[in-house]
Amino acid sequence: MTTPTTPALPADLADQVRRALDEDVGTGDLTAALVPAGQSASATIISREPAVVCGTAWVDAVFAALDPAIHVAWRVRDGDAVAAGALLCELSGPARPLLTGERTALNFLQTLSATATAARRCVDAVAGTGCRILDTRKTLPGLRRAQKYAVRTGGAHNHRIGLFDAILVKENHIVAAGSITAAVAAARRQSPGVLLEVEVERLDQAEEAFAAGADRLLLDNFPLERLREAVRLRAARSPATGLEASGGITLATLRAVAETGVDFISIGDLTKSVHAVDLSMRFRFTGA
């Protein structure tokens, strides 16, 4: 199974790889130096569990940066669902850089595949409801764009990338501005045309946000019946306003939330609580 379209790779991919190699290799791989300089090797990467693959370009970039003579032959592509034991790729080339790049390459692949796998499970759970799964800003520092790429690879959607491309008015902003109405008005003056979302915790706040003209409401920790009430209120007050549910939503409760009629469900665990996919890189040394 593959995603319908392949998302664009992050513009900072090369920088991510450079930083990762810098922190791991530093001034040089002391252990790989024990291997004869002319020795060659081949290797395979295997998935030990079912997963949605993501991160192939990061693996390519790691080994290209270490030695362009390394050849990486993929048997899968980003977005493919694989079973336990699946062969993901075969590598060959000089043994030293293959060994040096092993951990960095697997770190990217296991982490991004984990996010893509979690995203796919959530998307499958709400299939047919019309509700979209969103990520959040709860990402690993320095890997924001990589993880958001993985979310799209899994078939889910990105919320804002950062603080610069959309406005989310939360409790502290409302307190500082004096009211939801004042905060929305100030946001419209400051950043016209930018998506403007307001987080609400009660239905009376939702009423005010609808009246103020917010583009979307984030319904924070609403129980199911209150979500349904918010959907009914939206139909009566502001049919074009999007509704996003968030807070404490698990894979087990996801479909019930989607069936309330909300447009979006945002899930921080897609990126902040991922369980790395279990991968194995197996070597065979072919001599000098």
Protein backbone atom coordinates (compact mmCIF):
# COMPACT_ATOMS: atom_id res chain seq x y z
CA MET A 1 0.00 0.00 0.00
CA THR A 2 1.32 3.46 -0.91
CA THR A 3 0.11 6.95 -0.32
CA PRO A 4 -1.67 8.51 -3.33
CA THR A 5 1.02 11.17 -3.78
CA THR A 6 4.59 11.50 -2.61
CA PRO A 7 5.03 14.62 -0.45
CA ALA A 8 7.81 17.05 -1.24
CA LEU A 9 10.99 16.48 0.73
CA PRO A 10 11.94 19.12 3.32
CA ALA A 11 14.27 21.83 2.08
CA ASP A 12 16.50 21.39 5.13
CA LEU A 13 17.06 17.63 4.67
CA ALA A 14 20.78 18.03 3.90
CA ASP A 15 21.24 20.22 6.97
CA GLN A 16 19.50 17.63 9.16
CA VAL A 17 21.84 14.92 7.89
CA ARG A 18 24.92 17.12 8.32
CA ARG A 19 24.02 17.92 11.93
CA ALA A 20 23.30 14.28 12.71
CA LEU A 21 26.65 13.15 11.28
CA ASP A 22 28.47 15.94 13.09
CA GLU A 23 27.11 14.87 16.46
CA ASP A 24 27.84 11.17 15.86
CA VAL A 25 31.09 11.13 13.91
CA GLY A 26 32.70 14.27 15.30
CA THR A 27 36.41 14.26 14.45
CA GLY A 28 36.29 10.69 13.15
CA ASP A 29 34.96 7.15 13.68
CA LEU A 30 37.58 5.54 15.92
CA THR A 31 35.98 2.10 15.75
CA ALA A 32 35.57 1.96 11.96
CA ALA A 33 39.28 2.82 11.71
CA LEU A 34 39.97 -0.73 12.95
CA VAL A 35 38.63 -2.06 9.63
CA PRO A 36 41.23 -2.29 6.81
CA ALA A 37 41.00 0.80 4.60
CA GLY A 38 40.49 -1.19 1.39
CA GLN A 39 37.85 -3.58 2.71
CA SER A 40 34.46 -3.70 1.01
CA ALA A 41 31.13 -4.76 2.44
CA SER A 42 27.50 -5.26 1.60
CA ALA A 43 24.55 -4.82 3.90
CA THR A 44 20.80 -5.12 4.06
CA ILE A 45 18.23 -3.22 6.10
CA ILE A 46 15.36 -5.36 7.37
CA SER A 47 12.19 -4.31 9.18
CA ARG A 48 11.53 -6.56 12.15
CA GLU A 49 7.92 -5.42 12.48
CA PRO A 50 5.06 -4.19 10.27
CA ALA A 51 5.54 -0.54 9.36
CA VAL A 52 4.98 2.25 6.86
CA VAL A 53 8.36 3.12 5.40
CA CYS A 54 9.59 6.69 5.58
CA GLY A 55 13.03 8.26 5.45
CA THR A 56 14.67 6.67 2.40
CA ALA A 57 16.04 10.04 1.21
CA TRP A 58 17.72 10.58 4.60
CA VAL A 59 19.47 7.22 4.35
CA ASP A 60 20.63 8.07 0.83
CA ALA A 61 21.93 11.44 2.02
CA VAL A 62 23.82 9.94 4.98
CA PHE A 63 25.80 7.53 2.86
CA ALA A 64 26.30 9.99 0.00
CA ALA A 65 27.84 12.42 2.47
CA LEU A 66 30.19 9.78 3.87
CA ASP A 67 31.30 8.22 0.57
CA PRO A 68 29.70 8.62 -2.87
CA ALA A 69 31.04 5.17 -3.78
CA ILE A 70 28.37 3.55 -1.57
CA HIS A 71 25.48 2.17 -3.60
CA VAL A 72 22.00 2.02 -2.03
CA ALA A 73 19.34 -0.06 -3.80
CA TRP A 74 15.86 0.36 -2.34
CA ARG A 75 13.28 -2.41 -2.57
CA VAL A 76 10.55 -0.13 -1.17
CA ARG A 77 9.66 3.54 -1.31
CA ASP A 78 8.34 6.03 1.21
CA GLY A 79 4.69 5.30 1.96
CA ASP A 80 4.91 1.54 1.39
CA ALA A 81 3.41 -0.67 4.08
CA VAL A 82 5.70 -3.61 4.82
CA ALA A 83 5.41 -6.78 6.88
CA ALA A 84 7.81 -8.00 9.56
CA GLY A 85 10.94 -9.40 7.95
CA ALA A 86 10.66 -7.26 4.83
CA LEU A 87 13.86 -6.35 2.99
CA LEU A 88 13.96 -2.56 2.68
CA CYS A 89 17.24 -1.99 0.89
CA GLU A 90 20.63 -3.39 -0.06
CA LEU A 91 23.87 -1.44 0.26
CA SER A 92 27.39 -2.03 -0.99
CA GLY A 93 30.67 -0.18 -1.00
CA PRO A 94 33.65 0.64 1.22
CA ALA A 95 33.23 -0.97 4.62
CA ARG A 96 34.41 1.92 6.77
CA PRO A 97 31.80 4.53 5.71
CA LEU A 98 29.08 1.87 5.65
CA LEU A 99 29.80 1.11 9.30
CA THR A 100 30.11 4.79 10.19
CA GLY A 101 26.74 5.68 8.68
CA GLU A 102 24.80 2.70 10.05
CA ARG A 103 23.41 4.29 13.23
CA THR A 104 22.67 7.73 11.80
CA ALA A 105 20.88 6.23 8.81
CA LEU A 106 18.84 3.86 10.96
CA ASN A 107 17.98 6.63 13.43
CA PHE A 108 16.35 8.66 10.66
CA LEU A 109 14.64 5.66 9.08
CA GLN A 110 13.26 4.15 12.31
CA THR A 111 11.98 7.49 13.64
CA LEU A 112 10.35 8.75 10.45
CA SER A 113 8.87 5.32 9.71
CA ALA A 114 7.41 5.33 13.22
CA THR A 115 5.65 8.65 12.61
CA ALA A 116 4.39 7.53 9.19
CA THR A 117 3.14 4.26 10.69
CA ALA A 118 1.28 6.05 13.50
CA ALA A 119 -0.24 8.48 11.01
CA ARG A 120 -1.44 5.67 8.74
CA ARG A 121 -3.11 3.87 11.64
CA CYS A 122 -5.00 7.03 12.60
CA VAL A 123 -6.02 7.76 9.01
CA ASP A 124 -7.30 4.20 8.61
CA ALA A 125 -9.25 4.51 11.87
CA VAL A 126 -11.31 7.46 10.59
CA ALA A 127 -11.69 6.28 6.99
CA GLY A 128 -15.04 7.22 5.49
CA THR A 129 -15.89 9.92 8.04
CA GLY A 130 -14.45 12.85 6.11
CA CYS A 131 -12.39 13.87 9.15
CA ARG A 132 -8.73 14.73 8.62
CA ILE A 133 -5.92 13.78 10.98
CA LEU A 134 -3.52 16.61 11.83
CA ASP A 135 -0.16 16.74 13.56
CA THR A 136 0.98 19.41 16.03
CA ARG A 137 4.14 21.35 16.90
CA LYS A 138 5.09 18.66 19.46
CA THR A 139 8.02 17.45 17.39
CA LEU A 140 11.61 16.42 18.05
CA PRO A 141 13.79 19.56 18.11
CA GLY A 142 15.56 20.01 14.78
CA LEU A 143 13.38 17.42 13.03
CA ARG A 144 10.16 19.45 12.66
CA ARG A 145 10.04 19.35 8.86
CA ALA A 146 11.23 15.75 8.71
CA GLN A 147 8.48 14.54 11.02
CA LYS A 148 5.86 16.60 9.24
CA TYR A 149 6.99 15.00 5.99
CA ALA A 150 6.52 11.62 7.68
CA VAL A 151 3.00 12.59 8.77
CA ARG A 152 2.10 13.37 5.15
CA THR A 153 3.76 10.15 4.00
CA GLY A 154 1.42 8.27 6.34
CA GLY A 155 -1.58 9.97 4.73
CA ALA A 156 -2.35 12.52 7.45
CA HIS A 157 -2.06 16.31 7.20
CA ASN A 158 0.07 19.04 8.69
CA HIS A 159 -1.28 21.68 11.03
CA ARG A 160 0.86 24.84 10.96
CA ILE A 161 4.56 24.23 10.41
CA GLY A 162 5.53 26.73 13.10
CA LEU A 163 4.58 29.99 14.72
CA PHE A 164 5.07 31.88 11.47
CA ASP A 165 2.48 30.41 9.08
CA ALA A 166 -0.78 30.38 11.05
CA ILE A 167 -2.26 31.84 14.24
CA LEU A 168 -3.56 29.75 17.11
CA VAL A 169 -5.07 31.91 19.84
CA LYS A 170 -4.84 30.04 23.15
CA GLU A 171 -5.82 30.75 26.74
CA ASN A 172 -2.84 32.98 27.58
CA HIS A 173 -3.31 35.04 24.42
CA ILE A 174 -6.99 35.53 25.27
CA VAL A 175 -6.17 36.64 28.82
CA ALA A 176 -3.53 39.07 27.57
CA ALA A 177 -5.83 40.50 24.87
CA GLY A 178 -8.81 40.78 27.20
CA SER A 179 -11.21 38.53 25.28
CA ILE A 180 -11.53 36.18 22.33
CA THR A 181 -13.13 38.98 20.33
CA ALA A 182 -10.25 41.35 21.01
CA ALA A 183 -7.63 38.70 20.24
CA VAL A 184 -9.25 37.81 16.91
CA ALA A 185 -9.59 41.47 15.93
CA ALA A 186 -5.93 42.12 16.73
CA ALA A 187 -4.84 39.05 14.75
CA ARG A 188 -6.84 40.16 11.72
CA ARG A 189 -5.23 43.59 11.81
CA GLN A 190 -1.74 42.21 12.25
CA SER A 191 -1.84 39.24 9.85
CA PRO A 192 -4.70 39.50 7.35
CA GLY A 193 -5.26 36.42 5.22
CA VAL A 194 -3.48 34.03 7.60
CA LEU A 195 -5.38 31.03 9.03
CA LEU A 196 -6.73 32.11 12.41
CA GLU A 197 -7.73 29.44 14.90
CA VAL A 198 -9.02 29.88 18.44
CA GLU A 199 -8.71 27.26 21.17
CA VAL A 200 -11.86 27.01 23.29
CA GLU A 201 -12.66 25.00 26.40
CA ARG A 202 -16.38 25.80 26.74
CA LEU A 203 -19.37 26.25 24.45
CA ASP A 204 -19.82 29.90 25.44
CA GLN A 205 -16.26 30.52 24.23
CA ALA A 206 -17.16 28.75 20.99
CA GLU A 207 -20.12 31.12 20.60
CA GLU A 208 -17.83 34.10 20.99
CA ALA A 209 -15.24 32.69 18.57
CA PHE A 210 -17.92 32.04 15.94
CA ALA A 211 -19.19 35.60 16.32
CA ALA A 212 -15.66 37.01 16.16
CA GLY A 213 -15.06 35.33 12.80
CA ALA A 214 -12.38 32.75 13.58
CA ASP A 215 -11.51 30.47 10.67
CA ARG A 216 -11.29 27.39 12.88
CA LEU A 217 -12.02 26.41 16.47
CA LEU A 218 -9.85 24.00 18.42
CA LEU A 219 -12.16 22.16 20.81
CA ASP A 220 -9.86 21.29 23.68
CA ASN A 221 -10.69 18.13 25.68
CA PHE A 222 -14.39 18.22 24.77
CA PRO A 223 -16.26 14.99 25.62
CA LEU A 224 -18.20 13.40 22.77
CA GLU A 225 -21.59 14.98 23.53
CA ARG A 226 -20.08 18.43 23.84
CA LEU A 227 -18.33 17.91 20.50
CA ARG A 228 -21.72 17.09 18.97
CA GLU A 229 -23.16 20.24 20.55
CA ALA A 230 -20.33 22.29 19.06
CA VAL A 231 -21.06 20.80 15.64
CA ARG A 232 -24.75 21.71 15.99
CA LEU A 233 -23.83 25.20 17.17
CA ARG A 234 -21.51 25.65 14.20
CA ALA A 235 -24.33 24.71 11.80
CA ALA A 236 -26.54 27.41 13.33
CA ARG A 237 -23.97 30.15 13.87
CA SER A 238 -21.11 29.82 11.39
CA PRO A 239 -21.29 26.90 8.94
CA ALA A 240 -18.00 27.77 7.21
CA THR A 241 -15.91 27.62 10.40
CA GLY A 242 -13.74 24.54 10.77
CA LEU A 243 -13.84 22.45 13.93
CA GLU A 244 -10.81 20.63 15.29
CA ALA A 245 -10.90 18.22 18.22
CA SER A 246 -7.81 17.73 20.36
CA GLY A 247 -6.70 16.47 23.75
CA GLY A 248 -6.56 12.96 25.15
CA ILE A 249 -7.66 11.28 21.91
CA THR A 250 -6.31 7.76 21.40
CA LEU A 251 -6.47 5.25 18.58
CA ALA A 252 -9.30 3.52 20.48
CA THR A 253 -11.43 6.68 20.70
CA LEU A 254 -10.48 8.24 17.38
CA ARG A 255 -13.37 7.04 15.26
CA ALA A 256 -16.01 8.01 17.81
CA VAL A 257 -14.56 11.53 17.86
CA ALA A 258 -14.52 11.69 14.06
CA GLU A 259 -18.15 10.56 13.90
CA THR A 260 -19.28 13.60 15.93
CA GLY A 261 -18.90 15.66 12.76
CA VAL A 262 -15.69 17.57 13.49
CA ASP A 263 -13.51 18.36 10.49
CA PHE A 264 -10.11 17.70 12.03
CA ILE A 265 -8.49 15.78 14.87
CA SER A 266 -5.01 16.86 15.95
CA ILE A 267 -2.80 14.30 17.67
CA GLY A 268 0.49 15.25 19.32
CA ASP A 269 1.49 11.61 19.76
CA LEU A 270 2.10 11.28 16.01
CA THR A 271 5.40 13.03 16.57
CA LYS A 272 6.13 13.33 20.29
CA SER A 273 5.51 9.78 21.53
CA VAL A 274 6.53 7.62 18.60
CA HIS A 275 7.88 4.13 19.18
CA ALA A 276 10.79 3.70 16.77
CA VAL A 277 10.30 0.94 14.21
CA ASP A 278 12.58 -2.01 14.91
CA LEU A 279 15.07 -2.18 12.04
CA SER A 280 18.20 -4.24 11.51
CA MET A 281 21.21 -3.56 9.28
CA ARG A 282 23.10 -6.77 8.58
CA PHE A 283 26.63 -6.75 7.13
CA ARG A 284 28.69 -9.08 5.00
CA PHE A 285 32.37 -8.27 4.51
CA THR A 286 33.82 -9.15 1.12
CA GLY A 287 37.51 -8.49 1.70
CA ALA A 288 39.97 -5.95 0.40
